C-alpha cells in the first residue's frame, strides 16, 4: 500500500517461528521495517522522531503512555516504559533503553517486556525532504498474544502495519503543527476498548505491576 509520504511497506524478513533452537537464537521472530518520507527539513524531523518522551503527546492513539525511568536527555542509557496499542483489543507494555545514538542520524533501542529485541530509527536527507526508517527485530512475549503470533503471524504483522500507518499520519500532523506554531499537540484516541477512559485506566494497572518500583525516578 502506498500513501502520501509513505514509500515503503512494512514487511517480515526471516520469520523464525518454526526454526530450530540454534536458528531461533540467531534470528528474531519478527523483523519489521517501515519507511516514511516527509517534506520537512531533517532537523525538524529529528526533533520529533528522537524525542521519545513526548511521543504520546502527539501519537497517543498508538503510544498511549510513556514513562521516563532513567532520564539521560535522549542519550545512551535513556530508559522509558511504553504502553502501546494497535487495532486489535490487546495492548503491549515494554521498556526501551537507548543503546546507541548518532545525533542527526540514528538511534538504537533495546526492547524488553511484551516485546524482546531491538528497535532502530534512522534519518537521512533525500531530494524531496527527509526519510525516516523504523526497524523492529523482536520476539513477542505477551502471554496471550505470543501463541497467536506463532500460529497466525500475518495477524501480528497486520496489527503492526495498522499501527505504524497511523503513527506516520500522527507524526506528519505533529510536524505541521510545529511548523505552523500551534500551541498544543493533538492526538486521536486509541482503538477499542482503550478509547474508553475508564477501561484504559483499568488496563493500565498491568503496566504498574510490570515496572519495577525501584527503577522509578
N, C-alpha and C. Protein backbone atom coordinates (compact mmCIF):
# COMPACT_ATOMS: atom_id res chain seq x y z
N UNK A 1 0.84 -1.19 0.00
CA UNK A 1 0.00 0.00 0.00
C UNK A 1 0.88 1.24 0.00
N UNK A 2 0.51 2.22 -0.80
CA UNK A 2 1.24 3.47 -0.85
C UNK A 2 0.34 4.58 -0.32
N UNK A 3 0.90 5.45 0.50
CA UNK A 3 0.21 6.63 0.96
C UNK A 3 1.11 7.82 0.72
N UNK A 4 0.56 9.02 0.73
CA UNK A 4 1.37 10.22 0.55
C UNK A 4 2.43 10.25 1.64
N UNK A 5 3.69 10.27 1.24
CA UNK A 5 4.78 10.32 2.20
C UNK A 5 5.19 8.96 2.75
N UNK A 6 4.45 7.90 2.42
CA UNK A 6 4.80 6.56 2.90
C UNK A 6 5.32 5.77 1.71
N UNK A 7 6.63 5.56 1.66
CA UNK A 7 7.24 4.99 0.46
C UNK A 7 7.63 3.54 0.63
N UNK A 8 7.40 2.96 1.78
CA UNK A 8 7.79 1.58 1.98
C UNK A 8 6.75 0.78 2.72
N UNK A 9 6.59 -0.46 2.33
CA UNK A 9 5.74 -1.37 3.07
C UNK A 9 6.46 -1.84 4.32
N UNK A 10 5.69 -2.23 5.32
CA UNK A 10 6.25 -2.98 6.44
C UNK A 10 6.24 -4.44 6.01
N UNK A 11 7.39 -5.07 6.05
CA UNK A 11 7.46 -6.45 5.62
C UNK A 11 8.06 -7.32 6.70
N UNK A 12 7.95 -8.62 6.57
CA UNK A 12 8.57 -9.55 7.50
C UNK A 12 9.75 -10.20 6.80
N UNK A 13 10.83 -10.34 7.52
CA UNK A 13 12.03 -10.92 6.95
C UNK A 13 12.52 -12.02 7.89
N UNK A 14 12.53 -13.23 7.38
CA UNK A 14 13.07 -14.33 8.17
C UNK A 14 12.21 -14.67 9.37
N UNK A 15 10.89 -14.79 9.19
CA UNK A 15 10.07 -15.28 10.28
C UNK A 15 10.64 -16.60 10.77
N UNK A 16 10.87 -16.73 12.06
CA UNK A 16 11.59 -17.90 12.55
C UNK A 16 10.78 -18.71 13.55
N UNK A 17 9.47 -18.64 13.47
CA UNK A 17 8.63 -19.37 14.41
C UNK A 17 8.84 -20.87 14.35
N UNK A 18 9.25 -21.38 13.19
CA UNK A 18 9.44 -22.82 13.04
C UNK A 18 10.92 -23.21 12.98
N UNK A 19 11.79 -22.26 13.27
CA UNK A 19 13.21 -22.57 13.19
C UNK A 19 13.65 -23.44 14.36
N UNK A 20 14.78 -24.16 14.19
CA UNK A 20 15.28 -24.98 15.29
C UNK A 20 15.90 -24.09 16.36
N UNK A 21 16.30 -24.69 17.47
CA UNK A 21 16.75 -23.92 18.61
C UNK A 21 17.93 -23.01 18.30
N UNK A 22 18.91 -23.50 17.52
CA UNK A 22 20.08 -22.70 17.21
C UNK A 22 19.70 -21.49 16.37
N UNK A 23 18.90 -21.71 15.34
CA UNK A 23 18.49 -20.63 14.46
C UNK A 23 17.60 -19.65 15.20
N UNK A 24 16.82 -20.16 16.15
CA UNK A 24 15.90 -19.33 16.92
C UNK A 24 16.67 -18.27 17.72
N UNK A 25 17.85 -18.63 18.21
CA UNK A 25 18.66 -17.67 18.96
C UNK A 25 19.27 -16.63 18.03
N UNK A 26 19.52 -17.02 16.79
CA UNK A 26 20.21 -16.14 15.85
C UNK A 26 19.25 -15.13 15.22
N UNK A 27 17.99 -15.51 15.02
CA UNK A 27 17.06 -14.63 14.32
C UNK A 27 15.88 -14.27 15.22
N UNK A 28 15.37 -13.05 15.10
CA UNK A 28 14.16 -12.70 15.84
C UNK A 28 12.93 -13.35 15.20
N UNK A 29 11.88 -13.43 15.96
CA UNK A 29 10.63 -13.96 15.42
C UNK A 29 10.09 -13.06 14.32
N UNK A 30 10.23 -11.74 14.51
CA UNK A 30 9.75 -10.78 13.53
C UNK A 30 10.84 -9.75 13.24
N UNK A 31 11.02 -9.43 11.98
CA UNK A 31 11.87 -8.31 11.57
C UNK A 31 11.00 -7.43 10.69
N UNK A 32 10.68 -6.24 11.17
CA UNK A 32 9.71 -5.35 10.54
C UNK A 32 10.35 -4.02 10.23
N UNK A 33 10.00 -3.46 9.08
CA UNK A 33 10.59 -2.18 8.69
C UNK A 33 9.53 -1.29 8.06
N UNK A 34 9.58 -0.02 8.40
CA UNK A 34 8.67 0.98 7.83
C UNK A 34 9.49 2.18 7.40
N UNK A 35 9.26 2.66 6.18
CA UNK A 35 10.00 3.79 5.63
C UNK A 35 9.02 4.93 5.38
N UNK A 36 9.31 6.09 5.99
CA UNK A 36 8.44 7.25 5.88
C UNK A 36 9.21 8.41 5.26
N UNK A 37 8.60 9.08 4.29
CA UNK A 37 9.17 10.29 3.70
C UNK A 37 8.35 11.50 4.11
N UNK A 38 9.05 12.56 4.48
CA UNK A 38 8.39 13.80 4.89
C UNK A 38 8.97 14.97 4.11
N UNK A 39 8.12 15.91 3.76
CA UNK A 39 8.59 17.13 3.09
C UNK A 39 8.91 18.19 4.15
N UNK A 40 9.79 17.81 5.06
CA UNK A 40 10.26 18.70 6.13
C UNK A 40 11.77 18.56 6.24
N UNK A 41 12.42 19.56 6.78
CA UNK A 41 13.87 19.51 6.98
C UNK A 41 14.23 18.41 7.98
N UNK A 42 15.41 17.84 7.79
CA UNK A 42 15.85 16.74 8.66
C UNK A 42 15.90 17.17 10.13
N UNK A 43 16.35 18.39 10.40
CA UNK A 43 16.45 18.84 11.79
C UNK A 43 15.08 18.85 12.47
N UNK A 44 14.04 19.26 11.73
CA UNK A 44 12.70 19.27 12.31
C UNK A 44 12.18 17.87 12.55
N UNK A 45 12.48 16.97 11.61
CA UNK A 45 12.04 15.58 11.76
C UNK A 45 12.74 14.92 12.94
N UNK A 46 14.03 15.16 13.09
CA UNK A 46 14.79 14.58 14.19
C UNK A 46 14.27 15.07 15.54
N UNK A 47 13.92 16.35 15.60
CA UNK A 47 13.37 16.89 16.85
C UNK A 47 12.14 16.11 17.31
N UNK A 48 11.37 15.61 16.38
CA UNK A 48 10.18 14.83 16.72
C UNK A 48 10.52 13.35 16.92
N UNK A 49 11.23 12.78 15.96
CA UNK A 49 11.48 11.33 15.97
C UNK A 49 12.33 10.87 17.14
N UNK A 50 13.32 11.69 17.56
CA UNK A 50 14.24 11.28 18.62
C UNK A 50 13.78 11.72 20.00
N UNK A 51 12.69 12.47 20.10
CA UNK A 51 12.17 12.92 21.40
C UNK A 51 11.16 11.89 21.90
N UNK A 52 11.67 10.75 22.38
CA UNK A 52 10.79 9.63 22.69
C UNK A 52 9.89 9.91 23.90
N UNK A 53 10.30 10.80 24.79
CA UNK A 53 9.48 11.10 25.96
C UNK A 53 8.16 11.77 25.60
N UNK A 54 8.08 12.39 24.43
CA UNK A 54 6.90 13.16 24.07
C UNK A 54 6.04 12.49 23.00
N UNK A 55 6.36 11.25 22.65
CA UNK A 55 5.62 10.58 21.59
C UNK A 55 4.13 10.50 21.91
N UNK A 56 3.80 10.19 23.14
CA UNK A 56 2.38 10.04 23.49
C UNK A 56 1.61 11.34 23.41
N UNK A 57 2.30 12.49 23.41
CA UNK A 57 1.61 13.78 23.29
C UNK A 57 0.92 13.93 21.94
N UNK A 58 1.57 13.42 20.89
CA UNK A 58 1.01 13.59 19.54
C UNK A 58 0.60 12.27 18.89
N UNK A 59 0.97 11.14 19.50
CA UNK A 59 0.64 9.82 18.95
C UNK A 59 0.01 8.94 20.03
N UNK A 60 -0.86 9.56 20.85
CA UNK A 60 -1.48 8.83 21.96
C UNK A 60 -2.43 7.74 21.54
N UNK A 61 -2.85 7.73 20.28
CA UNK A 61 -3.71 6.65 19.81
C UNK A 61 -2.93 5.35 19.64
N UNK A 62 -1.61 5.43 19.50
CA UNK A 62 -0.77 4.24 19.36
C UNK A 62 0.13 4.07 20.58
N UNK A 63 0.84 5.13 20.96
CA UNK A 63 1.68 5.09 22.16
C UNK A 63 0.89 5.82 23.25
N UNK A 64 0.11 5.06 24.01
CA UNK A 64 -0.83 5.67 24.95
C UNK A 64 -0.14 6.30 26.13
N UNK A 65 1.02 5.75 26.52
CA UNK A 65 1.71 6.25 27.70
C UNK A 65 3.20 6.02 27.56
N UNK A 66 3.98 7.03 27.89
CA UNK A 66 5.44 6.91 28.02
C UNK A 66 5.82 7.39 29.41
N UNK A 67 6.58 6.57 30.12
CA UNK A 67 7.06 6.97 31.45
C UNK A 67 8.58 6.88 31.49
N UNK A 68 9.23 7.98 31.80
CA UNK A 68 10.69 8.01 31.87
C UNK A 68 11.15 7.40 33.19
N UNK A 69 12.05 6.44 33.11
CA UNK A 69 12.61 5.79 34.29
C UNK A 69 14.01 6.30 34.58
N UNK A 70 14.83 6.42 33.55
CA UNK A 70 16.18 6.97 33.67
C UNK A 70 16.31 8.06 32.63
N UNK A 71 16.40 9.31 33.09
CA UNK A 71 16.42 10.45 32.19
C UNK A 71 17.85 10.80 31.80
N UNK A 72 18.19 10.57 30.54
CA UNK A 72 19.52 10.93 30.02
C UNK A 72 19.39 11.91 28.85
N UNK A 73 18.29 12.65 28.82
CA UNK A 73 18.04 13.61 27.74
C UNK A 73 18.10 12.96 26.37
N UNK A 74 17.59 11.73 26.28
CA UNK A 74 17.54 11.04 25.00
C UNK A 74 18.84 10.40 24.58
N UNK A 75 19.90 10.53 25.40
CA UNK A 75 21.19 9.95 25.05
C UNK A 75 21.26 8.49 25.49
N UNK A 76 22.42 7.86 25.26
CA UNK A 76 22.61 6.46 25.62
C UNK A 76 22.30 6.25 27.10
N UNK A 77 21.52 5.22 27.41
CA UNK A 77 21.09 4.96 28.78
C UNK A 77 19.72 5.51 29.11
N UNK A 78 19.18 6.37 28.27
CA UNK A 78 17.82 6.89 28.49
C UNK A 78 16.86 5.71 28.48
N UNK A 79 16.02 5.61 29.53
CA UNK A 79 15.20 4.41 29.75
C UNK A 79 13.75 4.83 29.99
N UNK A 80 12.84 4.26 29.20
CA UNK A 80 11.42 4.56 29.34
C UNK A 80 10.62 3.26 29.33
N UNK A 81 9.39 3.36 29.83
CA UNK A 81 8.39 2.31 29.65
C UNK A 81 7.28 2.85 28.77
N UNK A 82 6.76 2.00 27.89
CA UNK A 82 5.72 2.41 26.95
C UNK A 82 4.53 1.46 27.03
N UNK A 83 3.35 2.03 26.85
CA UNK A 83 2.10 1.28 26.76
C UNK A 83 1.51 1.59 25.39
N UNK A 84 1.47 0.59 24.48
CA UNK A 84 1.11 0.83 23.09
C UNK A 84 -0.10 0.01 22.67
N UNK A 85 -0.70 0.42 21.55
CA UNK A 85 -1.96 -0.18 21.11
C UNK A 85 -2.05 -0.14 19.59
N UNK A 86 -2.50 -1.23 18.99
CA UNK A 86 -2.85 -1.26 17.58
C UNK A 86 -4.36 -1.27 17.42
N UNK A 87 -4.83 -1.95 16.37
CA UNK A 87 -6.28 -2.04 16.14
C UNK A 87 -6.91 -3.13 17.01
N UNK A 88 -6.22 -4.25 17.17
CA UNK A 88 -6.75 -5.36 17.95
C UNK A 88 -6.91 -4.96 19.42
N UNK A 89 -7.79 -5.62 20.18
CA UNK A 89 -8.16 -5.13 21.51
C UNK A 89 -7.06 -5.18 22.57
N UNK A 90 -6.01 -5.98 22.37
CA UNK A 90 -4.95 -6.06 23.37
C UNK A 90 -4.01 -4.87 23.25
N UNK A 91 -3.18 -4.68 24.27
CA UNK A 91 -2.14 -3.66 24.24
C UNK A 91 -0.83 -4.29 24.68
N UNK A 92 0.26 -3.57 24.44
CA UNK A 92 1.60 -4.07 24.78
C UNK A 92 2.28 -3.11 25.73
N UNK A 93 3.04 -3.66 26.67
CA UNK A 93 3.81 -2.88 27.63
C UNK A 93 5.26 -3.35 27.55
N UNK A 94 6.17 -2.42 27.36
CA UNK A 94 7.57 -2.81 27.24
C UNK A 94 8.46 -1.62 27.59
N UNK A 95 9.70 -1.92 27.90
CA UNK A 95 10.67 -0.87 28.19
C UNK A 95 11.56 -0.66 26.97
N UNK A 96 12.11 0.54 26.87
CA UNK A 96 13.07 0.85 25.83
C UNK A 96 14.25 1.60 26.42
N UNK A 97 15.45 1.14 26.12
CA UNK A 97 16.66 1.79 26.59
C UNK A 97 17.54 2.14 25.40
N UNK A 98 17.91 3.41 25.28
CA UNK A 98 18.75 3.84 24.17
C UNK A 98 20.14 3.23 24.34
N UNK A 99 20.57 2.48 23.34
CA UNK A 99 21.88 1.83 23.39
C UNK A 99 22.89 2.47 22.45
N UNK A 100 22.41 3.27 21.51
CA UNK A 100 23.31 3.92 20.55
C UNK A 100 22.62 5.17 20.02
N UNK A 101 23.37 6.25 19.96
CA UNK A 101 22.83 7.49 19.42
C UNK A 101 23.89 8.19 18.60
N UNK A 102 23.57 8.45 17.35
CA UNK A 102 24.40 9.29 16.49
C UNK A 102 23.53 10.48 16.12
N UNK A 103 23.75 11.63 16.76
CA UNK A 103 22.88 12.79 16.53
C UNK A 103 22.70 13.08 15.05
N UNK A 104 21.47 13.41 14.70
CA UNK A 104 21.09 13.76 13.33
C UNK A 104 21.20 12.58 12.37
N UNK A 105 21.31 11.35 12.93
CA UNK A 105 21.44 10.20 12.03
C UNK A 105 20.65 8.98 12.49
N UNK A 106 20.93 8.45 13.69
CA UNK A 106 20.25 7.21 14.07
C UNK A 106 20.19 7.05 15.58
N UNK A 107 19.24 6.21 15.99
CA UNK A 107 19.08 5.84 17.39
C UNK A 107 18.72 4.35 17.44
N UNK A 108 19.41 3.59 18.30
CA UNK A 108 19.09 2.18 18.53
C UNK A 108 18.57 2.03 19.95
N UNK A 109 17.57 1.15 20.11
CA UNK A 109 16.89 1.00 21.39
C UNK A 109 16.74 -0.49 21.70
N UNK A 110 17.11 -0.90 22.91
CA UNK A 110 16.88 -2.26 23.38
C UNK A 110 15.48 -2.35 23.98
N UNK A 111 14.72 -3.38 23.58
CA UNK A 111 13.32 -3.53 23.97
C UNK A 111 13.17 -4.75 24.87
N UNK A 112 12.42 -4.60 25.99
CA UNK A 112 12.15 -5.72 26.90
C UNK A 112 10.73 -5.60 27.44
N UNK A 113 10.08 -6.73 27.61
CA UNK A 113 8.72 -6.74 28.15
C UNK A 113 7.83 -7.61 27.29
N UNK A 114 6.68 -7.08 26.84
CA UNK A 114 5.81 -7.83 25.94
C UNK A 114 6.48 -8.05 24.59
N UNK A 115 7.49 -7.23 24.25
CA UNK A 115 8.40 -7.46 23.14
C UNK A 115 9.80 -7.57 23.71
N UNK A 116 10.61 -8.46 23.14
CA UNK A 116 12.04 -8.50 23.42
C UNK A 116 12.78 -8.36 22.11
N UNK A 117 13.80 -7.50 22.10
CA UNK A 117 14.58 -7.34 20.88
C UNK A 117 15.15 -5.96 20.76
N UNK A 118 15.14 -5.42 19.55
CA UNK A 118 15.71 -4.10 19.30
C UNK A 118 14.80 -3.30 18.38
N UNK A 119 14.90 -1.98 18.50
CA UNK A 119 14.25 -1.06 17.59
C UNK A 119 15.27 -0.05 17.12
N UNK A 120 15.10 0.45 15.91
CA UNK A 120 16.02 1.43 15.37
C UNK A 120 15.30 2.53 14.63
N UNK A 121 15.82 3.74 14.72
CA UNK A 121 15.31 4.89 13.98
C UNK A 121 16.48 5.48 13.21
N UNK A 122 16.38 5.51 11.88
CA UNK A 122 17.44 6.08 11.05
C UNK A 122 16.86 7.22 10.22
N UNK A 123 17.57 8.34 10.16
CA UNK A 123 17.10 9.54 9.46
C UNK A 123 18.13 9.91 8.40
N UNK A 124 17.64 10.23 7.20
CA UNK A 124 18.54 10.66 6.14
C UNK A 124 17.86 11.72 5.28
N UNK A 125 18.67 12.64 4.77
CA UNK A 125 18.17 13.68 3.86
C UNK A 125 18.00 13.08 2.47
N UNK A 126 16.85 13.35 1.82
CA UNK A 126 16.62 12.94 0.45
C UNK A 126 16.24 14.17 -0.36
N UNK A 127 16.09 14.00 -1.67
CA UNK A 127 15.86 15.15 -2.55
C UNK A 127 14.63 15.96 -2.15
N UNK A 128 13.55 15.26 -1.80
CA UNK A 128 12.28 15.96 -1.54
C UNK A 128 12.07 16.26 -0.05
N UNK A 129 13.04 15.92 0.80
CA UNK A 129 12.85 16.18 2.22
C UNK A 129 13.67 15.25 3.08
N UNK A 130 12.99 14.47 3.93
CA UNK A 130 13.68 13.62 4.91
C UNK A 130 13.04 12.25 4.94
N UNK A 131 13.85 11.22 5.00
CA UNK A 131 13.37 9.84 5.09
C UNK A 131 13.70 9.30 6.48
N UNK A 132 12.70 8.67 7.09
CA UNK A 132 12.86 8.02 8.39
C UNK A 132 12.58 6.54 8.21
N UNK A 133 13.49 5.70 8.67
CA UNK A 133 13.31 4.25 8.61
C UNK A 133 13.22 3.71 10.03
N UNK A 134 12.10 3.07 10.32
CA UNK A 134 11.89 2.41 11.61
C UNK A 134 12.07 0.91 11.42
N UNK A 135 12.92 0.31 12.22
CA UNK A 135 13.19 -1.13 12.14
C UNK A 135 12.95 -1.78 13.49
N UNK A 136 12.23 -2.89 13.46
CA UNK A 136 11.96 -3.67 14.66
C UNK A 136 12.44 -5.10 14.43
N UNK A 137 13.24 -5.62 15.33
CA UNK A 137 13.65 -7.03 15.32
C UNK A 137 13.30 -7.58 16.70
N UNK A 138 12.15 -8.23 16.77
CA UNK A 138 11.56 -8.54 18.07
C UNK A 138 10.96 -9.95 18.12
N UNK A 139 10.87 -10.45 19.35
CA UNK A 139 10.06 -11.62 19.68
C UNK A 139 8.87 -11.13 20.50
N UNK A 140 7.70 -11.68 20.23
CA UNK A 140 6.51 -11.34 21.01
C UNK A 140 6.49 -12.20 22.27
N UNK A 141 6.42 -11.56 23.44
CA UNK A 141 6.41 -12.27 24.72
C UNK A 141 5.12 -12.04 25.51
N UNK A 142 4.17 -11.36 24.93
CA UNK A 142 2.88 -11.14 25.59
C UNK A 142 2.24 -12.50 25.87
N UNK A 143 1.83 -12.75 27.10
CA UNK A 143 1.41 -14.10 27.49
C UNK A 143 0.21 -14.60 26.71
N UNK A 144 -0.66 -13.70 26.24
CA UNK A 144 -1.83 -14.11 25.47
C UNK A 144 -1.58 -14.06 23.97
N UNK A 145 -0.78 -13.12 23.54
CA UNK A 145 -0.59 -12.90 22.10
C UNK A 145 0.54 -13.75 21.52
N UNK A 146 1.51 -14.15 22.35
CA UNK A 146 2.63 -14.94 21.83
C UNK A 146 2.15 -16.20 21.10
N UNK A 147 1.22 -17.00 21.66
CA UNK A 147 0.77 -18.18 20.91
C UNK A 147 0.11 -17.81 19.58
N UNK A 148 -0.67 -16.74 19.59
CA UNK A 148 -1.33 -16.30 18.35
C UNK A 148 -0.31 -15.86 17.32
N UNK A 149 0.73 -15.15 17.78
CA UNK A 149 1.75 -14.64 16.86
C UNK A 149 2.52 -15.78 16.20
N UNK A 150 2.56 -16.94 16.83
CA UNK A 150 3.25 -18.08 16.25
C UNK A 150 2.34 -18.89 15.32
N UNK A 151 1.06 -18.96 15.69
CA UNK A 151 0.12 -19.72 14.87
C UNK A 151 -0.31 -18.93 13.64
N UNK A 152 -0.57 -17.63 13.85
CA UNK A 152 -1.04 -16.76 12.76
C UNK A 152 -0.14 -15.51 12.71
N UNK A 153 1.11 -15.63 12.30
CA UNK A 153 1.99 -14.45 12.30
C UNK A 153 1.50 -13.30 11.43
N UNK A 154 0.80 -13.56 10.29
CA UNK A 154 0.33 -12.41 9.50
C UNK A 154 -0.62 -11.49 10.27
N UNK A 155 -1.36 -12.02 11.25
CA UNK A 155 -2.25 -11.17 12.04
C UNK A 155 -1.44 -10.20 12.88
N UNK A 156 -0.35 -10.67 13.47
CA UNK A 156 0.53 -9.80 14.25
C UNK A 156 1.11 -8.71 13.36
N UNK A 157 1.56 -9.10 12.17
CA UNK A 157 2.16 -8.15 11.24
C UNK A 157 1.12 -7.13 10.77
N UNK A 158 -0.09 -7.59 10.48
CA UNK A 158 -1.16 -6.67 10.06
C UNK A 158 -1.44 -5.63 11.14
N UNK A 159 -1.49 -6.07 12.40
CA UNK A 159 -1.76 -5.14 13.50
C UNK A 159 -0.62 -4.11 13.62
N UNK A 160 0.61 -4.57 13.44
CA UNK A 160 1.76 -3.66 13.46
C UNK A 160 1.67 -2.66 12.32
N UNK A 161 1.35 -3.14 11.13
CA UNK A 161 1.24 -2.26 9.96
C UNK A 161 0.16 -1.20 10.19
N UNK A 162 -0.98 -1.62 10.73
CA UNK A 162 -2.09 -0.70 11.01
C UNK A 162 -1.62 0.41 11.96
N UNK A 163 -0.91 0.01 13.01
CA UNK A 163 -0.45 0.99 14.00
C UNK A 163 0.59 1.94 13.41
N UNK A 164 1.51 1.41 12.62
CA UNK A 164 2.57 2.25 12.07
C UNK A 164 2.03 3.25 11.06
N UNK A 165 1.02 2.87 10.30
CA UNK A 165 0.43 3.82 9.35
C UNK A 165 -0.21 4.99 10.08
N UNK A 166 -0.86 4.70 11.18
CA UNK A 166 -1.47 5.79 11.95
C UNK A 166 -0.43 6.62 12.68
N UNK A 167 0.64 5.98 13.09
CA UNK A 167 1.73 6.74 13.69
C UNK A 167 2.37 7.67 12.66
N UNK A 168 2.49 7.20 11.43
CA UNK A 168 3.02 8.06 10.36
C UNK A 168 2.15 9.31 10.19
N UNK A 169 0.84 9.11 10.12
CA UNK A 169 -0.06 10.25 9.95
C UNK A 169 0.03 11.20 11.15
N UNK A 170 0.17 10.63 12.35
CA UNK A 170 0.27 11.46 13.54
C UNK A 170 1.56 12.27 13.53
N UNK A 171 2.65 11.67 13.08
CA UNK A 171 3.92 12.39 13.03
C UNK A 171 3.87 13.48 11.97
N UNK A 172 3.24 13.20 10.85
CA UNK A 172 3.08 14.21 9.81
C UNK A 172 2.30 15.40 10.35
N UNK A 173 1.23 15.13 11.11
CA UNK A 173 0.43 16.20 11.70
C UNK A 173 1.22 16.99 12.74
N UNK A 174 2.07 16.30 13.52
CA UNK A 174 2.87 16.98 14.54
C UNK A 174 3.92 17.88 13.89
N UNK A 175 4.53 17.42 12.82
CA UNK A 175 5.49 18.26 12.12
C UNK A 175 4.82 19.52 11.57
N UNK A 176 3.63 19.36 11.02
CA UNK A 176 2.89 20.51 10.51
C UNK A 176 2.50 21.46 11.64
N UNK A 177 2.12 20.89 12.79
CA UNK A 177 1.74 21.72 13.94
C UNK A 177 2.91 22.59 14.39
N UNK A 178 4.08 21.99 14.49
CA UNK A 178 5.25 22.75 14.93
C UNK A 178 5.64 23.80 13.90
N UNK A 179 5.53 23.45 12.63
CA UNK A 179 5.84 24.42 11.58
C UNK A 179 4.91 25.62 11.64
N UNK A 180 3.63 25.35 11.92
CA UNK A 180 2.62 26.41 11.91
C UNK A 180 2.52 27.15 13.23
N UNK A 181 3.29 26.71 14.24
CA UNK A 181 3.33 27.41 15.52
C UNK A 181 2.12 27.21 16.39
N UNK A 182 1.38 26.11 16.19
CA UNK A 182 0.25 25.83 17.06
C UNK A 182 0.77 25.43 18.44
N UNK A 183 0.00 25.74 19.46
CA UNK A 183 0.49 25.61 20.83
C UNK A 183 0.44 24.19 21.39
N UNK A 184 -0.63 23.46 21.14
CA UNK A 184 -0.85 22.20 21.85
C UNK A 184 -0.89 21.02 20.89
N UNK A 185 -0.12 19.95 21.18
CA UNK A 185 -0.18 18.75 20.33
C UNK A 185 -1.59 18.16 20.34
N UNK A 186 -1.95 17.55 19.23
CA UNK A 186 -3.24 16.89 19.12
C UNK A 186 -3.03 15.41 18.83
N UNK A 187 -3.88 14.58 19.41
CA UNK A 187 -3.75 13.14 19.20
C UNK A 187 -5.12 12.51 19.12
N UNK A 188 -5.27 11.54 18.21
CA UNK A 188 -6.50 10.76 18.15
C UNK A 188 -6.57 9.82 19.35
N UNK A 189 -7.74 9.26 19.57
CA UNK A 189 -7.92 8.31 20.67
C UNK A 189 -7.54 6.91 20.18
N UNK A 190 -7.07 6.05 21.09
CA UNK A 190 -6.76 4.67 20.70
C UNK A 190 -8.01 3.91 20.32
N UNK A 191 -7.83 2.77 19.69
CA UNK A 191 -8.96 1.94 19.29
C UNK A 191 -9.58 1.23 20.50
N UNK A 192 -10.75 0.65 20.30
CA UNK A 192 -11.48 -0.04 21.36
C UNK A 192 -10.64 -1.20 21.93
N UNK A 193 -10.72 -1.44 23.24
CA UNK A 193 -11.53 -0.78 24.27
C UNK A 193 -10.80 0.37 24.98
N UNK A 194 -9.56 0.66 24.57
CA UNK A 194 -8.77 1.68 25.26
C UNK A 194 -9.21 3.10 24.93
N UNK A 195 -10.15 3.25 24.01
CA UNK A 195 -10.70 4.58 23.74
C UNK A 195 -11.66 5.02 24.84
N UNK A 196 -12.02 4.12 25.72
CA UNK A 196 -12.87 4.43 26.87
C UNK A 196 -11.96 4.68 28.07
N UNK A 197 -11.99 5.88 28.60
CA UNK A 197 -11.03 6.29 29.62
C UNK A 197 -11.02 5.35 30.82
N UNK A 198 -12.20 4.98 31.32
CA UNK A 198 -12.28 4.10 32.49
C UNK A 198 -11.61 2.77 32.22
N UNK A 199 -11.88 2.17 31.06
CA UNK A 199 -11.26 0.89 30.73
C UNK A 199 -9.76 1.04 30.51
N UNK A 200 -9.34 2.15 29.91
CA UNK A 200 -7.91 2.38 29.69
C UNK A 200 -7.17 2.43 31.02
N UNK A 201 -7.79 3.05 32.03
CA UNK A 201 -7.17 3.13 33.35
C UNK A 201 -7.07 1.76 34.00
N UNK A 202 -8.11 0.93 33.79
CA UNK A 202 -8.08 -0.43 34.34
C UNK A 202 -6.95 -1.23 33.71
N UNK A 203 -6.84 -1.15 32.37
CA UNK A 203 -5.79 -1.89 31.69
C UNK A 203 -4.40 -1.39 32.06
N UNK A 204 -4.30 -0.12 32.41
CA UNK A 204 -3.01 0.45 32.77
C UNK A 204 -2.46 -0.12 34.07
N UNK A 205 -3.32 -0.75 34.86
CA UNK A 205 -2.84 -1.33 36.12
C UNK A 205 -1.83 -2.44 35.88
N UNK A 206 -1.97 -3.16 34.75
CA UNK A 206 -0.98 -4.19 34.44
C UNK A 206 0.38 -3.57 34.21
N UNK A 207 0.39 -2.39 33.61
CA UNK A 207 1.64 -1.67 33.40
C UNK A 207 2.31 -1.35 34.73
N UNK A 208 1.50 -0.94 35.72
CA UNK A 208 2.06 -0.59 37.03
C UNK A 208 2.75 -1.78 37.67
N UNK A 209 2.22 -2.99 37.45
CA UNK A 209 2.83 -4.18 38.05
C UNK A 209 4.10 -4.60 37.31
N UNK A 210 4.27 -4.15 36.07
CA UNK A 210 5.44 -4.57 35.28
C UNK A 210 6.65 -3.68 35.50
N UNK A 211 6.43 -2.42 35.90
CA UNK A 211 7.55 -1.50 36.06
C UNK A 211 8.13 -1.65 37.46
N UNK A 212 9.37 -2.11 37.59
CA UNK A 212 9.96 -2.27 38.93
C UNK A 212 9.96 -0.95 39.69
N UNK A 213 9.42 -0.99 40.87
CA UNK A 213 9.29 0.23 41.67
C UNK A 213 10.66 0.88 41.93
N UNK A 214 11.69 0.07 42.09
CA UNK A 214 12.98 0.63 42.44
C UNK A 214 13.62 1.37 41.28
N UNK A 215 13.09 1.20 40.06
CA UNK A 215 13.68 1.89 38.91
C UNK A 215 13.01 3.22 38.63
N UNK A 216 11.95 3.56 39.33
CA UNK A 216 11.26 4.83 39.08
C UNK A 216 12.10 6.00 39.59
N UNK A 217 12.09 7.09 38.84
CA UNK A 217 12.81 8.27 39.27
C UNK A 217 11.98 9.04 40.29
